[in-house]
Amino acid sequence: MRALIQRVSQASVSIEGSIKSEIEKGLLVLLGIEEDDDPTDIEWLANKIISMRIFGDDDGKMNLSLQDIDGELLVVSQFTLHAKTKKGNRPSFTRAAHPDRAIPLYEDFIHHCENLMEGKVQSGEFGADMKVGLINDGPVTIMMDSKNKE
């Protein structure tokens, strides 16, 4: 499971011209799920993201977590995070999980985050043509991979 995490002052997801979800200060998580992901990937990644200290304290140092600042979380499915680009000019997405496998894991990830965040979690719609808008705060953008634990 891969996540591209962006610290945002606001973010939103629109589908067919209508806003589906939006958050203020918090994290936008683009989430890519691969075939061999399982609940242990969900637990590790969700806990790590929510506990990660990437928000500024009173001295401007990154010492506060999403929970510390009472922030919000927006989770958007993003199978392209598993693109292979080694051969040719057209990416291959063979590592990305098929929807029948990915959708339950995506939904479980969101539910796990909701349990940790007490309902301050919004999401996109799996498989939809989404338009994601954000104001990246910092900018702070971090890539995480549950298989490498980094």
Protein backbone atom coordinates (compact mmCIF):
# COMPACT_ATOMS: atom_id res chain seq x y z
CA MET A 1 0.00 0.00 0.00
CA ARG A 2 1.38 3.35 -1.02
CA ALA A 3 0.32 6.77 0.13
CA LEU A 4 1.28 10.20 -1.09
CA ILE A 5 0.55 12.51 1.82
CA GLN A 6 0.17 16.25 1.40
CA ARG A 7 -0.20 18.69 4.28
CA VAL A 8 -2.97 21.04 3.21
CA SER A 9 -4.73 24.17 4.39
CA GLN A 10 -7.71 22.96 2.37
CA ALA A 11 -8.55 20.20 -0.10
CA SER A 12 -11.59 18.95 -1.97
CA VAL A 13 -12.77 16.25 -4.36
CA SER A 14 -15.30 16.99 -7.09
CA ILE A 15 -17.14 14.45 -9.23
CA GLU A 16 -19.04 15.59 -12.32
CA GLY A 17 -18.76 19.22 -11.25
CA SER A 18 -20.10 18.76 -7.70
CA ILE A 19 -18.00 18.77 -4.55
CA LYS A 20 -18.20 15.34 -2.93
CA SER A 21 -15.84 15.99 -0.01
CA GLU A 22 -13.77 18.82 1.38
CA ILE A 23 -11.56 19.49 4.36
CA GLU A 24 -9.80 22.43 5.93
CA LYS A 25 -6.42 22.10 7.67
CA GLY A 26 -5.15 18.54 7.58
CA LEU A 27 -3.86 15.88 5.24
CA LEU A 28 -4.77 14.80 1.73
CA VAL A 29 -3.86 11.14 1.27
CA LEU A 30 -3.66 9.67 -2.23
CA LEU A 31 -3.86 5.91 -1.58
CA GLY A 32 -2.64 3.19 -3.94
CA ILE A 33 -3.51 -0.43 -3.19
CA GLU A 34 -1.68 -3.42 -4.65
CA GLU A 35 -2.76 -7.05 -4.95
CA ASP A 36 -0.91 -8.41 -1.91
CA ASP A 37 -2.02 -5.69 0.53
CA ASP A 38 -3.91 -6.87 3.59
CA PRO A 39 -5.24 -5.55 6.92
CA THR A 40 -1.72 -5.30 8.39
CA ASP A 41 -0.85 -2.76 5.67
CA ILE A 42 -3.97 -0.77 6.52
CA GLU A 43 -3.24 -0.71 10.23
CA TRP A 44 0.44 0.24 9.86
CA LEU A 45 -0.15 2.95 7.26
CA ALA A 46 -3.21 4.55 8.89
CA ASN A 47 -1.57 4.66 12.31
CA LYS A 48 1.65 6.08 10.86
CA ILE A 49 -0.11 8.80 8.84
CA ILE A 50 -2.29 9.99 11.69
CA SER A 51 0.59 9.97 14.20
CA MET A 52 3.19 11.55 11.91
CA ARG A 53 4.47 14.84 13.34
CA ILE A 54 4.49 17.13 10.30
CA PHE A 55 2.56 20.15 11.57
CA GLY A 56 4.27 23.17 13.04
CA ASP A 57 4.32 23.88 16.76
CA ASP A 58 4.54 27.38 18.30
CA ASP A 59 8.21 27.55 17.27
CA GLY A 60 7.45 26.52 13.68
CA LYS A 61 9.05 23.09 14.08
CA MET A 62 7.32 19.97 12.76
CA ASN A 63 6.36 18.49 16.13
CA LEU A 64 2.60 18.06 15.93
CA SER A 65 0.47 15.27 14.47
CA LEU A 66 -2.87 15.45 12.72
CA GLN A 67 -4.55 14.54 16.01
CA ASP A 68 -2.57 17.19 17.91
CA ILE A 69 -3.89 19.96 15.67
CA ASP A 70 -7.42 18.51 15.51
CA GLY A 71 -7.02 18.32 11.73
CA GLU A 72 -9.00 16.56 9.05
CA LEU A 73 -8.17 13.80 6.59
CA LEU A 74 -9.21 13.38 2.95
CA VAL A 75 -8.49 9.95 1.42
CA VAL A 76 -8.55 9.53 -2.37
CA SER A 77 -7.91 6.26 -4.24
CA GLN A 78 -4.98 6.52 -6.66
CA PHE A 79 -4.01 3.30 -8.45
CA THR A 80 -1.38 5.19 -10.49
CA LEU A 81 0.89 5.27 -7.43
CA HIS A 82 1.83 1.72 -8.47
CA ALA A 83 2.91 2.67 -11.99
CA LYS A 84 5.89 0.85 -13.47
CA THR A 85 7.84 3.14 -15.78
CA LYS A 86 10.98 1.11 -16.50
CA LYS A 87 10.09 0.00 -20.03
CA GLY A 88 8.82 2.30 -22.75
CA ASN A 89 6.85 5.47 -22.33
CA ARG A 90 3.50 4.08 -21.30
CA PRO A 91 3.23 3.21 -17.59
CA SER A 92 2.12 -0.25 -16.57
CA PHE A 93 -0.25 -0.64 -13.63
CA THR A 94 -0.01 -4.41 -13.16
CA ARG A 95 0.93 -4.03 -9.49
CA ALA A 96 -2.27 -2.13 -8.69
CA ALA A 97 -5.01 -4.26 -7.18
CA HIS A 98 -8.11 -5.01 -9.24
CA PRO A 99 -11.24 -3.22 -7.98
CA ASP A 100 -12.77 -6.37 -6.45
CA ARG A 101 -9.72 -6.59 -4.18
CA ALA A 102 -8.95 -2.87 -3.83
CA ILE A 103 -12.39 -1.48 -2.96
CA PRO A 104 -12.80 -3.43 0.32
CA LEU A 105 -9.25 -2.50 1.37
CA TYR A 106 -9.83 1.17 0.48
CA GLU A 107 -13.05 1.20 2.50
CA ASP A 108 -11.37 -0.59 5.42
CA PHE A 109 -8.55 1.97 5.36
CA ILE A 110 -11.12 4.79 5.57
CA HIS A 111 -12.99 3.05 8.42
CA HIS A 112 -9.75 2.48 10.33
CA CYS A 113 -8.88 6.17 9.96
CA GLU A 114 -12.41 7.16 11.07
CA ASN A 115 -12.00 5.09 14.22
CA LEU A 116 -8.70 6.82 14.97
CA MET A 117 -9.90 10.30 14.01
CA GLU A 118 -13.41 10.29 15.51
CA GLY A 119 -15.20 11.04 12.25
CA LYS A 120 -12.94 13.75 10.81
CA VAL A 121 -12.34 11.73 7.65
CA GLN A 122 -13.65 12.46 4.16
CA SER A 123 -13.04 10.44 0.99
CA GLY A 124 -13.25 10.37 -2.75
CA GLU A 125 -15.16 7.75 -4.70
CA PHE A 126 -13.26 4.68 -5.83
CA GLY A 127 -13.01 4.46 -9.61
CA ALA A 128 -14.69 7.81 -10.28
CA ASP A 129 -13.23 10.51 -12.50
CA MET A 130 -12.32 12.88 -9.68
CA LYS A 131 -10.97 16.40 -9.70
CA VAL A 132 -8.83 17.02 -6.64
CA GLY A 133 -8.17 20.57 -5.52
CA LEU A 134 -5.76 21.49 -2.77
CA ILE A 135 -3.62 24.14 -1.23
CA ASN A 136 -0.43 22.36 -0.23
CA ASP A 137 0.77 23.88 3.05
CA GLY A 138 4.54 24.25 3.13
CA PRO A 139 4.66 22.53 0.74
CA VAL A 140 4.93 19.28 2.64
CA THR A 141 4.56 16.11 0.56
CA ILE A 142 5.62 12.68 1.81
CA MET A 143 5.54 9.26 0.11
CA MET A 144 4.99 6.16 2.26
CA ASP A 145 5.01 2.47 1.39
CA SER A 146 3.70 -0.17 3.79
CA LYS A 147 5.78 -2.93 2.21
CA ASN A 148 9.06 -1.11 2.87
CA LYS A 149 7.82 0.44 6.13
CA GLU A 150 9.01 3.81 4.93
